[in-house]
Protein backbone atom coordinates (compact mmCIF):
# COMPACT_ATOMS: atom_id res chain seq x y z
CA MET A 1 4.91 -0.62 -36.96
CA PRO A 2 2.92 -3.77 -36.11
CA LEU A 3 -0.39 -4.15 -34.41
CA PRO A 4 -0.33 -6.15 -31.17
CA ASN A 5 -0.53 -9.93 -31.25
CA PHE A 6 -2.36 -10.13 -27.95
CA LEU A 7 -4.47 -8.09 -25.54
CA ILE A 8 -4.96 -8.75 -21.84
CA LEU A 9 -8.48 -7.45 -21.36
CA GLY A 10 -8.91 -7.76 -17.60
CA GLU A 11 -10.85 -7.99 -15.21
CA THR A 12 -9.75 -5.12 -12.99
CA LYS A 13 -7.95 -6.22 -9.79
CA CYS A 14 -7.57 -9.76 -11.07
CA GLY A 15 -3.80 -9.79 -11.70
CA THR A 16 -3.49 -8.22 -15.14
CA THR A 17 -0.50 -6.13 -14.08
CA SER A 18 1.24 -9.22 -12.67
CA MET A 19 0.43 -11.19 -15.78
CA TYR A 20 1.82 -8.52 -18.12
CA ASP A 21 4.90 -7.77 -16.04
CA ASN A 22 5.71 -11.48 -15.88
CA ILE A 23 5.13 -12.56 -19.47
CA ILE A 24 7.25 -9.75 -20.91
CA GLN A 25 10.19 -11.51 -19.21
CA HIS A 26 9.86 -14.06 -22.04
CA PRO A 27 12.53 -13.27 -24.69
CA GLN A 28 9.94 -13.57 -27.46
CA ILE A 29 7.40 -11.16 -25.89
CA LEU A 30 8.27 -7.52 -26.28
CA PRO A 31 6.64 -4.74 -24.14
CA THR A 32 5.01 -1.69 -25.57
CA LYS A 33 6.91 1.59 -25.83
CA GLY A 34 4.25 3.26 -23.65
CA ASN A 35 1.58 5.87 -24.29
CA GLY A 36 3.32 8.85 -22.76
CA ASN A 37 1.00 9.15 -19.77
CA ASP A 38 2.25 10.93 -16.65
CA LEU A 39 3.23 8.19 -14.20
CA SER A 40 3.75 10.55 -11.24
CA VAL A 41 0.64 9.28 -9.43
CA ASP A 42 2.35 5.93 -8.79
CA ALA A 43 5.78 5.61 -10.31
CA THR A 44 6.02 1.95 -9.30
CA VAL A 45 3.16 0.98 -11.62
CA PRO A 46 4.01 1.46 -15.34
CA LEU A 47 0.43 1.95 -16.52
CA GLY A 48 1.75 3.99 -19.43
CA VAL A 49 3.44 0.85 -20.73
CA LYS A 50 0.88 -1.75 -19.77
CA GLU A 51 -2.33 0.15 -20.49
CA LEU A 52 -2.42 2.00 -23.78
CA ARG A 53 -6.15 2.82 -23.54
CA PHE A 54 -6.33 3.29 -27.31
CA PHE A 55 -9.71 1.74 -27.99
CA ASP A 56 -11.54 3.86 -25.44
CA ARG A 57 -9.59 6.91 -24.24
CA ASN A 58 -7.06 7.53 -27.04
CA TYR A 59 -8.96 6.40 -30.16
CA ASN A 60 -8.99 9.95 -31.49
CA LYS A 61 -5.18 9.83 -31.78
CA GLY A 62 -5.48 7.42 -34.69
CA TRP A 63 -4.04 4.10 -35.75
CA ASP A 64 -0.60 5.52 -36.57
CA TRP A 65 -0.29 6.61 -32.95
CA TYR A 66 -1.35 3.16 -31.76
CA ARG A 67 1.06 1.33 -34.05
CA ASP A 68 3.88 3.57 -32.89
CA CYS A 69 3.29 2.41 -29.31
CA PHE A 70 4.69 -1.03 -30.21
CA PRO A 71 8.21 -2.11 -31.06
CA GLU A 72 9.32 -3.71 -34.27
CA CYS A 73 9.13 -7.46 -33.72
CA PRO A 74 11.84 -9.69 -35.15
CA GLU A 75 10.62 -12.95 -36.65
CA GLY A 76 9.35 -15.19 -33.87
CA SER A 77 8.64 -12.34 -31.49
CA ILE A 78 5.30 -10.84 -30.48
CA THR A 79 4.00 -7.82 -28.59
CA GLY A 80 0.80 -6.79 -26.83
CA GLU A 81 -0.80 -4.62 -24.19
CA ALA A 82 -3.06 -4.98 -21.16
CA THR A 83 -5.99 -2.61 -20.70
CA PRO A 84 -8.65 -3.99 -18.32
CA MET A 85 -11.11 -1.21 -19.22
CA TYR A 86 -11.65 -2.60 -22.70
CA LEU A 87 -13.50 -5.55 -21.18
CA HIS A 88 -16.66 -3.58 -20.34
CA ARG A 89 -16.69 -1.23 -23.29
CA ALA A 90 -18.69 -2.78 -26.10
CA LEU A 91 -17.53 -0.10 -28.51
CA ALA A 92 -13.87 -0.85 -27.68
CA LEU A 93 -14.42 -4.57 -28.29
CA GLN A 94 -16.10 -3.84 -31.63
CA ARG A 95 -13.25 -1.57 -32.68
CA ILE A 96 -10.73 -4.30 -31.83
CA ALA A 97 -12.67 -7.00 -33.65
CA SER A 98 -13.18 -4.86 -36.77
CA VAL A 99 -9.44 -4.54 -37.44
CA MET A 100 -7.54 -7.06 -35.33
CA LYS A 101 -9.53 -10.13 -36.28
CA ASP A 102 -6.87 -12.65 -35.21
CA VAL A 103 -5.65 -10.98 -32.00
CA LYS A 104 -5.29 -13.33 -29.01
CA LEU A 105 -7.35 -12.29 -25.96
CA ILE A 106 -6.50 -13.11 -22.34
CA LEU A 107 -9.25 -12.65 -19.72
CA MET A 108 -8.46 -12.90 -16.01
CA PHE A 109 -11.02 -13.52 -13.28
CA ARG A 110 -10.71 -13.70 -9.51
CA ASP A 111 -13.20 -14.70 -6.86
CA PRO A 112 -15.64 -11.84 -7.45
CA ALA A 113 -16.34 -11.12 -3.78
CA LYS A 114 -12.64 -10.77 -3.06
CA ARG A 115 -12.17 -8.79 -6.27
CA LEU A 116 -14.80 -6.27 -5.10
CA VAL A 117 -13.12 -5.82 -1.69
CA SER A 118 -9.77 -5.32 -3.43
CA HIS A 119 -11.22 -2.77 -5.82
CA TYR A 120 -12.91 -0.94 -2.96
CA HIS A 121 -9.58 -0.58 -1.14
CA HIS A 122 -7.67 0.24 -4.33
CA ILE A 123 -9.89 3.28 -4.92
CA GLY A 124 -9.50 4.31 -1.30
CA SER A 125 -5.71 4.12 -1.57
CA ILE A 126 -5.63 6.67 -4.38
CA ASN A 127 -8.60 8.79 -3.27
CA PRO A 128 -8.95 9.22 0.50
CA ALA A 129 -12.37 10.88 0.02
CA TRP A 130 -13.62 7.44 -1.02
CA TYR A 131 -13.44 6.22 2.55
CA ASP A 132 -15.33 9.32 3.70
CA LYS A 133 -18.06 8.34 1.27
CA TYR A 134 -17.93 4.63 2.11
CA PRO A 135 -16.18 3.96 5.45
CA THR A 136 -16.53 0.18 5.12
CA ILE A 137 -17.10 -2.35 2.40
CA GLU A 138 -20.54 -2.97 3.93
CA SER A 139 -21.45 0.69 3.54
CA PHE A 140 -20.38 0.57 -0.09
CA TRP A 141 -22.39 -2.62 -0.69
CA ASN A 142 -25.54 -1.17 0.83
CA THR A 143 -25.39 2.43 -0.44
CA ALA A 144 -23.36 2.42 -3.65
CA ALA A 145 -24.12 5.51 -5.67
CA GLU A 146 -25.18 5.19 -9.31
CA GLU A 147 -21.75 6.16 -10.61
CA ASP A 148 -20.04 3.54 -8.43
CA TYR A 149 -22.36 0.58 -8.82
CA HIS A 150 -20.46 -0.76 -11.84
CA LEU A 151 -17.84 -2.09 -9.39
CA ILE A 152 -20.43 -4.66 -8.26
CA ASP A 153 -21.47 -5.59 -11.79
CA LYS A 154 -17.86 -6.27 -12.76
CA GLY A 155 -18.01 -9.51 -10.80
CA ILE A 156 -20.75 -11.02 -12.96
CA TYR A 157 -18.20 -12.67 -15.20
CA TRP A 158 -20.40 -14.93 -17.30
CA LYS A 159 -21.92 -11.90 -18.97
CA THR A 160 -18.44 -10.62 -19.79
CA VAL A 161 -17.34 -13.90 -21.31
CA MET A 162 -20.47 -14.11 -23.42
CA GLN A 163 -20.02 -10.56 -24.72
CA VAL A 164 -16.45 -11.20 -25.73
CA ALA A 165 -17.31 -14.55 -27.27
CA THR A 166 -20.17 -12.98 -29.24
CA THR A 167 -17.97 -10.16 -30.54
CA PHE A 168 -15.02 -12.30 -31.60
CA LYS A 169 -16.71 -15.67 -32.22
CA GLU A 170 -13.50 -17.76 -32.38
CA ASP A 171 -13.21 -19.98 -29.31
CA LYS A 172 -9.46 -20.50 -29.76
CA GLN A 173 -8.94 -16.75 -29.76
CA MET A 174 -9.74 -16.36 -26.03
CA LEU A 175 -7.94 -17.74 -22.98
CA VAL A 176 -9.55 -17.41 -19.54
CA ILE A 177 -7.13 -17.40 -16.57
CA ILE A 178 -8.31 -17.76 -12.99
CA SER A 179 -6.17 -15.47 -10.86
CA GLU A 180 -5.99 -17.88 -7.93
CA ASP A 181 -4.51 -20.51 -10.29
CA LEU A 182 -1.88 -18.01 -11.44
CA PHE A 183 -0.62 -17.43 -7.92
CA GLU A 184 -0.88 -21.10 -6.86
CA GLU A 185 0.64 -22.65 -9.97
CA PRO A 186 2.55 -19.87 -11.80
CA ASP A 187 4.79 -22.17 -13.85
CA LYS A 188 1.84 -24.11 -15.24
CA ILE A 189 -0.21 -21.00 -15.98
CA PHE A 190 2.63 -19.16 -17.69
CA SER A 191 3.36 -22.26 -19.76
CA ASP A 192 -0.32 -22.35 -20.82
CA VAL A 193 -0.21 -18.63 -21.70
CA PHE A 194 2.96 -19.00 -23.71
CA GLU A 195 1.51 -21.96 -25.64
CA PHE A 196 -1.66 -19.94 -26.28
CA LEU A 197 0.41 -17.05 -27.59
CA GLY A 198 2.50 -19.26 -29.82
CA VAL A 199 5.89 -18.74 -28.20
CA ASP A 200 8.24 -21.24 -26.55
CA SER A 201 6.19 -22.67 -23.68
CA ASP A 202 9.22 -24.30 -22.07
CA VAL A 203 10.75 -20.94 -21.11
CA LYS A 204 10.85 -20.49 -17.31
CA ILE A 205 10.45 -17.04 -15.81
CA LYS A 206 10.78 -15.73 -12.26
CA ALA A 207 7.19 -15.11 -11.21
CA GLN A 208 6.59 -11.77 -9.49
CA HIS A 209 3.47 -10.38 -7.86
CA SER A 210 3.29 -6.75 -9.04
CA ARG A 211 0.76 -5.45 -6.54
CA LYS A 212 0.33 -6.96 -3.08
CA ASN A 213 -2.70 -6.13 -1.00
CA LYS A 214 -2.01 -4.51 2.38
CA TYR A 215 -5.55 -4.44 3.67
CA LYS A 216 -7.14 -7.12 5.88
CA THR A 217 -10.89 -7.03 5.34
CA LYS A 218 -13.10 -10.05 5.81
CA VAL A 219 -15.46 -10.55 2.86
CA PRO A 220 -19.06 -10.19 4.07
CA THR A 221 -21.21 -13.29 3.62
CA GLU A 222 -23.91 -11.35 1.81
CA ILE A 223 -21.47 -10.39 -0.92
CA LYS A 224 -20.37 -14.01 -1.34
CA ASP A 225 -24.01 -15.11 -1.50
CA PHE A 226 -24.82 -12.58 -4.21
CA TYR A 227 -22.12 -13.79 -6.52
CA GLU A 228 -22.66 -17.52 -5.87
CA PRO A 229 -25.28 -18.16 -8.61
CA HIS A 230 -23.28 -16.09 -11.07
CA ASN A 231 -20.20 -18.17 -10.32
CA ARG A 232 -22.16 -21.33 -10.98
CA LYS A 233 -23.29 -19.95 -14.34
CA LEU A 234 -19.71 -19.11 -15.21
CA GLU A 235 -18.78 -22.70 -14.33
CA ARG A 236 -21.28 -23.89 -16.95
CA VAL A 237 -19.90 -21.48 -19.53
CA LEU A 238 -16.26 -22.48 -18.89
CA GLU A 239 -17.04 -26.10 -18.03
CA ARG A 240 -14.93 -26.08 -14.89
CA LYS A 241 -15.39 -25.71 -11.15
CA LEU A 242 -14.68 -22.34 -9.55
CA TRP A 243 -14.44 -20.73 -6.10
CA ARG A 244 -16.08 -23.41 -3.97
CA GLU A 245 -15.40 -23.36 -0.23
């Protein structure tokens, strides 16, 4: 069995599920066979297919297990997975780089203030006790416990890009997608992704949004202000303008 040709590394709540579900519509991109996880928590979200979690949670199962998660690829076809958690696990990135030296990496980033609000509500949707702990996004922002604070740090994207770039070193190995661009210009973004992955970039797919937010929460100004200098630093790293009102 082959190793994957590409990995969608994340960020969490930035459209990785939509990206994966859409690109596997391409006839040359084959989905994984899944990791066998129980999907009963949310049967509409095939995390067992999209997120194999090998390099952090399932590494003890061995490389034969990982290879068996992927289909045989006919000539001209590729396969890959999407596990956002890899992005902030230095050990996972090192494990990937040590064996899969040529794997293509897709990173997805969304306005970090909006990403945080989305993540806050996502946790609340699967764990009602979360809202007892943090009734509002403001209460989370001002009183986040030690074990929850990483949700805030996830939005400091320039650090993430630098860590991935340092670990893999090849500039052409990494593609950064801005989530807002994906939903505003899906045809262009998918064409760019297909070209990056080395498959027919002229193939048109029917873009679908896999998870639509149902909450209506205004992003507090203090959260926007916190991320502003980090966004500007990311602009310098990526050499493009981002999230300016």
